[in-house]
Each structure stands twice: as structure tokens, then as C-alpha cells.
Amino acid sequence: MLYLLAMIAAVVCVDIVFFRHHFTERLIANIAIVLAFAVGYFWFARPRPDGRES
């Protein structure tokens, strides 16, 4: 849950600070942020299938 809140905070902060009036750039940045958080989740936070910690 904390990971999801961090992602939402990052998206909102980038939107407000950098891309307030630029729709296309904001959309691209939001997609990039979500993909970066997804990669981080699958790389570090997801439980391994064999039960070991990463």
C-alpha cells in the first residue's frame, strides 16, 4: 500500500511541478513513472516463486 501511495505522490508532484499545461508530455511522464514503479516492484518487492527473499 505504501508503494502505491509513493507512486501516486510521484505522479502528482511531477504533474504539478513540471507539466501543468502540457497534456502530451504529462501523459508520457505519467506512463514512464508507472512503468518505473512496476519494474521496481517486479524487481525488488514481489515474492519469489521458490519462497526465498530477494
PDB file of N, CA and C in Angstrom:
ATOM      1  N   MET A   1       0.820  -1.191   0.000  1.00  0.00           N
ATOM      2  CA  MET A   1       0.000   0.000   0.000  1.00  0.00           C
ATOM      3  C   MET A   1       0.864   1.254   0.000  1.00  0.00           C
ATOM      4  N   LEU A   2       1.945   1.227   0.770  1.00  0.00           N
ATOM      5  CA  LEU A   2       2.842   2.381   0.824  1.00  0.00           C
ATOM      6  C   LEU A   2       3.495   2.617  -0.533  1.00  0.00           C
ATOM      7  N   TYR A   3       3.805   1.545  -1.244  1.00  0.00           N
ATOM      8  CA  TYR A   3       4.412   1.648  -2.570  1.00  0.00           C
ATOM      9  C   TYR A   3       3.458   2.347  -3.542  1.00  0.00           C
ATOM     10  N   LEU A   4       2.192   2.009  -3.475  1.00  0.00           N
ATOM     11  CA  LEU A   4       1.177   2.629  -4.324  1.00  0.00           C
ATOM     12  C   LEU A   4       1.020   4.112  -3.996  1.00  0.00           C
ATOM     13  N   LEU A   5       1.017   4.450  -2.736  1.00  0.00           N
ATOM     14  CA  LEU A   5       0.924   5.857  -2.340  1.00  0.00           C
ATOM     15  C   LEU A   5       2.145   6.652  -2.800  1.00  0.00           C
ATOM     16  N   ALA A   6       3.319   6.045  -2.752  1.00  0.00           N
ATOM     17  CA  ALA A   6       4.532   6.718  -3.236  1.00  0.00           C
ATOM     18  C   ALA A   6       4.445   6.969  -4.737  1.00  0.00           C
ATOM     19  N   MET A   7       3.907   6.006  -5.481  1.00  0.00           N
ATOM     20  CA  MET A   7       3.756   6.187  -6.921  1.00  0.00           C
ATOM     21  C   MET A   7       2.777   7.318  -7.222  1.00  0.00           C
ATOM     22  N   ILE A   8       1.664   7.346  -6.527  1.00  0.00           N
ATOM     23  CA  ILE A   8       0.671   8.400  -6.741  1.00  0.00           C
ATOM     24  C   ILE A   8       1.264   9.760  -6.393  1.00  0.00           C
ATOM     25  N   ALA A   9       2.010   9.840  -5.305  1.00  0.00           N
ATOM     26  CA  ALA A   9       2.645  11.101  -4.923  1.00  0.00           C
ATOM     27  C   ALA A   9       3.643  11.563  -5.979  1.00  0.00           C
ATOM     28  N   ALA A  10       4.404  10.635  -6.535  1.00  0.00           N
ATOM     29  CA  ALA A  10       5.370  10.994  -7.575  1.00  0.00           C
ATOM     30  C   ALA A  10       4.670  11.523  -8.820  1.00  0.00           C
ATOM     31  N   VAL A  11       3.595  10.866  -9.235  1.00  0.00           N
ATOM     32  CA  VAL A  11       2.850  11.302 -10.414  1.00  0.00           C
ATOM     33  C   VAL A  11       2.269  12.697 -10.197  1.00  0.00           C
ATOM     34  N   VAL A  12       1.650  12.913  -9.054  1.00  0.00           N
ATOM     35  CA  VAL A  12       1.018  14.204  -8.783  1.00  0.00           C
ATOM     36  C   VAL A  12       2.065  15.312  -8.691  1.00  0.00           C
ATOM     37  N   CYS A  13       3.178  15.049  -8.023  1.00  0.00           N
ATOM     38  CA  CYS A  13       4.226  16.068  -7.901  1.00  0.00           C
ATOM     39  C   CYS A  13       4.823  16.435  -9.254  1.00  0.00           C
ATOM     40  N   VAL A  14       5.096  15.447 -10.079  1.00  0.00           N
ATOM     41  CA  VAL A  14       5.650  15.731 -11.409  1.00  0.00           C
ATOM     42  C   VAL A  14       4.636  16.506 -12.243  1.00  0.00           C
ATOM     43  N   ASP A  15       3.363  16.139 -12.143  1.00  0.00           N
ATOM     44  CA  ASP A  15       2.323  16.861 -12.879  1.00  0.00           C
ATOM     45  C   ASP A  15       2.269  18.328 -12.475  1.00  0.00           C
ATOM     46  N   ILE A  16       2.269  18.583 -11.191  1.00  0.00           N
ATOM     47  CA  ILE A  16       2.124  19.953 -10.704  1.00  0.00           C
ATOM     48  C   ILE A  16       3.377  20.776 -10.966  1.00  0.00           C
ATOM     49  N   VAL A  17       4.541  20.215 -10.700  1.00  0.00           N
ATOM     50  CA  VAL A  17       5.774  20.991 -10.781  1.00  0.00           C
ATOM     51  C   VAL A  17       6.232  21.208 -12.215  1.00  0.00           C
ATOM     52  N   PHE A  18       6.163  20.193 -13.060  1.00  0.00           N
ATOM     53  CA  PHE A  18       6.787  20.296 -14.372  1.00  0.00           C
ATOM     54  C   PHE A  18       5.817  20.438 -15.543  1.00  0.00           C
ATOM     55  N   PHE A  19       4.704  19.726 -15.526  1.00  0.00           N
ATOM     56  CA  PHE A  19       3.883  19.609 -16.731  1.00  0.00           C
ATOM     57  C   PHE A  19       2.451  20.092 -16.531  1.00  0.00           C
ATOM     58  N   ARG A  20       2.259  21.195 -15.860  1.00  0.00           N
ATOM     59  CA  ARG A  20       0.913  21.650 -15.548  1.00  0.00           C
ATOM     60  C   ARG A  20       0.094  21.937 -16.809  1.00  0.00           C
ATOM     61  N   HIS A  21       0.674  22.550 -17.828  1.00  0.00           N
ATOM     62  CA  HIS A  21      -0.084  22.959 -19.010  1.00  0.00           C
ATOM     63  C   HIS A  21       0.312  22.197 -20.272  1.00  0.00           C
ATOM     64  N   HIS A  22       0.948  21.049 -20.109  1.00  0.00           N
ATOM     65  CA  HIS A  22       1.412  20.268 -21.265  1.00  0.00           C
ATOM     66  C   HIS A  22       0.822  18.866 -21.185  1.00  0.00           C
ATOM     67  N   PHE A  23      -0.295  18.647 -21.857  1.00  0.00           N
ATOM     68  CA  PHE A  23      -1.018  17.379 -21.713  1.00  0.00           C
ATOM     69  C   PHE A  23      -0.222  16.187 -22.224  1.00  0.00           C
ATOM     70  N   THR A  24       0.316  16.262 -23.419  1.00  0.00           N
ATOM     71  CA  THR A  24       1.002  15.109 -24.017  1.00  0.00           C
ATOM     72  C   THR A  24       2.252  14.737 -23.226  1.00  0.00           C
ATOM     73  N   GLU A  25       3.039  15.733 -22.861  1.00  0.00           N
ATOM     74  CA  GLU A  25       4.244  15.467 -22.084  1.00  0.00           C
ATOM     75  C   GLU A  25       3.898  14.903 -20.707  1.00  0.00           C
ATOM     76  N   ARG A  26       2.805  15.404 -20.120  1.00  0.00           N
ATOM     77  CA  ARG A  26       2.372  14.912 -18.814  1.00  0.00           C
ATOM     78  C   ARG A  26       1.946  13.448 -18.914  1.00  0.00           C
ATOM     79  N   LEU A  27       1.221  13.102 -19.973  1.00  0.00           N
ATOM     80  CA  LEU A  27       0.795  11.720 -20.166  1.00  0.00           C
ATOM     81  C   LEU A  27       1.989  10.792 -20.322  1.00  0.00           C
ATOM     82  N   ILE A  28       2.958  11.197 -21.114  1.00  0.00           N
ATOM     83  CA  ILE A  28       4.158  10.385 -21.325  1.00  0.00           C
ATOM     84  C   ILE A  28       4.936  10.221 -20.014  1.00  0.00           C
ATOM     85  N   ALA A  29       5.076  11.316 -19.253  1.00  0.00           N
ATOM     86  CA  ALA A  29       5.790  11.244 -17.975  1.00  0.00           C
ATOM     87  C   ALA A  29       5.056  10.343 -16.990  1.00  0.00           C
ATOM     88  N   ASN A  30       3.728  10.416 -16.958  1.00  0.00           N
ATOM     89  CA  ASN A  30       2.958   9.570 -16.048  1.00  0.00           C
ATOM     90  C   ASN A  30       3.108   8.101 -16.401  1.00  0.00           C
ATOM     91  N   ILE A  31       3.077   7.776 -17.677  1.00  0.00           N
ATOM     92  CA  ILE A  31       3.271   6.397 -18.116  1.00  0.00           C
ATOM     93  C   ILE A  31       4.669   5.916 -17.740  1.00  0.00           C
ATOM     94  N   ALA A  32       5.674   6.771 -17.923  1.00  0.00           N
ATOM     95  CA  ALA A  32       7.045   6.399 -17.574  1.00  0.00           C
ATOM     96  C   ALA A  32       7.195   6.166 -16.075  1.00  0.00           C
ATOM     97  N   ILE A  33       6.561   6.994 -15.256  1.00  0.00           N
ATOM     98  CA  ILE A  33       6.636   6.818 -13.810  1.00  0.00           C
ATOM     99  C   ILE A  33       5.973   5.510 -13.387  1.00  0.00           C
ATOM    100  N   VAL A  34       4.799   5.224 -13.936  1.00  0.00           N
ATOM    101  CA  VAL A  34       4.099   3.978 -13.584  1.00  0.00           C
ATOM    102  C   VAL A  34       4.909   2.768 -14.028  1.00  0.00           C
ATOM    103  N   LEU A  35       5.502   2.823 -15.215  1.00  0.00           N
ATOM    104  CA  LEU A  35       6.339   1.712 -15.670  1.00  0.00           C
ATOM    105  C   LEU A  35       7.571   1.542 -14.787  1.00  0.00           C
ATOM    106  N   ALA A  36       8.181   2.645 -14.367  1.00  0.00           N
ATOM    107  CA  ALA A  36       9.352   2.559 -13.487  1.00  0.00           C
ATOM    108  C   ALA A  36       8.979   1.930 -12.142  1.00  0.00           C
ATOM    109  N   PHE A  37       7.825   2.305 -11.599  1.00  0.00           N
ATOM    110  CA  PHE A  37       7.391   1.701 -10.347  1.00  0.00           C
ATOM    111  C   PHE A  37       7.043   0.222 -10.548  1.00  0.00           C
ATOM    112  N   ALA A  38       6.466  -0.137 -11.681  1.00  0.00           N
ATOM    113  CA  ALA A  38       6.149  -1.539 -11.950  1.00  0.00           C
ATOM    114  C   ALA A  38       7.425  -2.375 -12.055  1.00  0.00           C
ATOM    115  N   VAL A  39       8.420  -1.850 -12.744  1.00  0.00           N
ATOM    116  CA  VAL A  39       9.699  -2.563 -12.846  1.00  0.00           C
ATOM    117  C   VAL A  39      10.319  -2.707 -11.463  1.00  0.00           C
ATOM    118  N   GLY A  40      10.278  -1.642 -10.671  1.00  0.00           N
ATOM    119  CA  GLY A  40      10.808  -1.716  -9.311  1.00  0.00           C
ATOM    120  C   GLY A  40      10.090  -2.749  -8.479  1.00  0.00           C
ATOM    121  N   TYR A  41       8.784  -2.840  -8.629  1.00  0.00           N
ATOM    122  CA  TYR A  41       8.023  -3.842  -7.880  1.00  0.00           C
ATOM    123  C   TYR A  41       8.415  -5.251  -8.303  1.00  0.00           C
ATOM    124  N   PHE A  42       8.428  -5.500  -9.599  1.00  0.00           N
ATOM    125  CA  PHE A  42       8.735  -6.845 -10.067  1.00  0.00           C
ATOM    126  C   PHE A  42      10.194  -7.212  -9.819  1.00  0.00           C
ATOM    127  N   TRP A  43      11.063  -6.224  -9.719  1.00  0.00           N
ATOM    128  CA  TRP A  43      12.477  -6.499  -9.491  1.00  0.00           C
ATOM    129  C   TRP A  43      12.767  -6.742  -8.013  1.00  0.00           C
ATOM    130  N   PHE A  44      12.160  -5.931  -7.113  1.00  0.00           N
ATOM    131  CA  PHE A  44      12.546  -5.979  -5.707  1.00  0.00           C
ATOM    132  C   PHE A  44      11.463  -6.483  -4.756  1.00  0.00           C
ATOM    133  N   ALA A  45      10.227  -6.080  -4.919  1.00  0.00           N
ATOM    134  CA  ALA A  45       9.223  -6.286  -3.883  1.00  0.00           C
ATOM    135  C   ALA A  45       8.399  -7.550  -4.047  1.00  0.00           C
ATOM    136  N   ARG A  46       8.306  -8.076  -5.235  1.00  0.00           N
ATOM    137  CA  ARG A  46       7.454  -9.238  -5.475  1.00  0.00           C
ATOM    138  C   ARG A  46       8.047 -10.473  -4.800  1.00  0.00           C
ATOM    139  N   PRO A  47       7.217 -11.284  -4.161  1.00  0.00           N
ATOM    140  CA  PRO A  47       7.723 -12.525  -3.572  1.00  0.00           C
ATOM    141  C   PRO A  47       8.210 -13.488  -4.658  1.00  0.00           C
ATOM    142  N   ARG A  48       9.290 -14.172  -4.372  1.00  0.00           N
ATOM    143  CA  ARG A  48       9.831 -15.118  -5.348  1.00  0.00           C
ATOM    144  C   ARG A  48       9.035 -16.404  -5.314  1.00  0.00           C
ATOM    145  N   PRO A  49       8.940 -17.089  -6.467  1.00  0.00           N
ATOM    146  CA  PRO A  49       8.132 -18.322  -6.523  1.00  0.00           C
ATOM    147  C   PRO A  49       8.694 -19.445  -5.648  1.00  0.00           C
ATOM    148  N   ASP A  50      10.009 -19.431  -5.383  1.00  0.00           N
ATOM    149  CA  ASP A  50      10.589 -20.501  -4.558  1.00  0.00           C
ATOM    150  C   ASP A  50      10.524 -20.195  -3.073  1.00  0.00           C
ATOM    151  N   GLY A  51       9.936 -19.033  -2.698  1.00  0.00           N
ATOM    152  CA  GLY A  51       9.751 -18.702  -1.297  1.00  0.00           C
ATOM    153  C   GLY A  51      10.901 -17.964  -0.652  1.00  0.00           C
ATOM    154  N   ARG A  52      12.004 -17.799  -1.363  1.00  0.00           N
ATOM    155  CA  ARG A  52      13.155 -17.094  -0.789  1.00  0.00           C
ATOM    156  C   ARG A  52      12.947 -15.580  -0.929  1.00  0.00           C
ATOM    157  N   GLU A  53      13.639 -14.848  -0.067  1.00  0.00           N
ATOM    158  CA  GLU A  53      13.622 -13.392  -0.164  1.00  0.00           C
ATOM    159  C   GLU A  53      14.571 -12.952  -1.258  1.00  0.00           C
ATOM    160  N   SER A  54      14.296 -11.795  -1.863  1.00  0.00           N
ATOM    161  CA  SER A  54      15.191 -11.297  -2.925  1.00  0.00           C
ATOM    162  C   SER A  54      16.380 -10.585  -2.344  1.00  0.00           C
TER     163      SER A  54
END
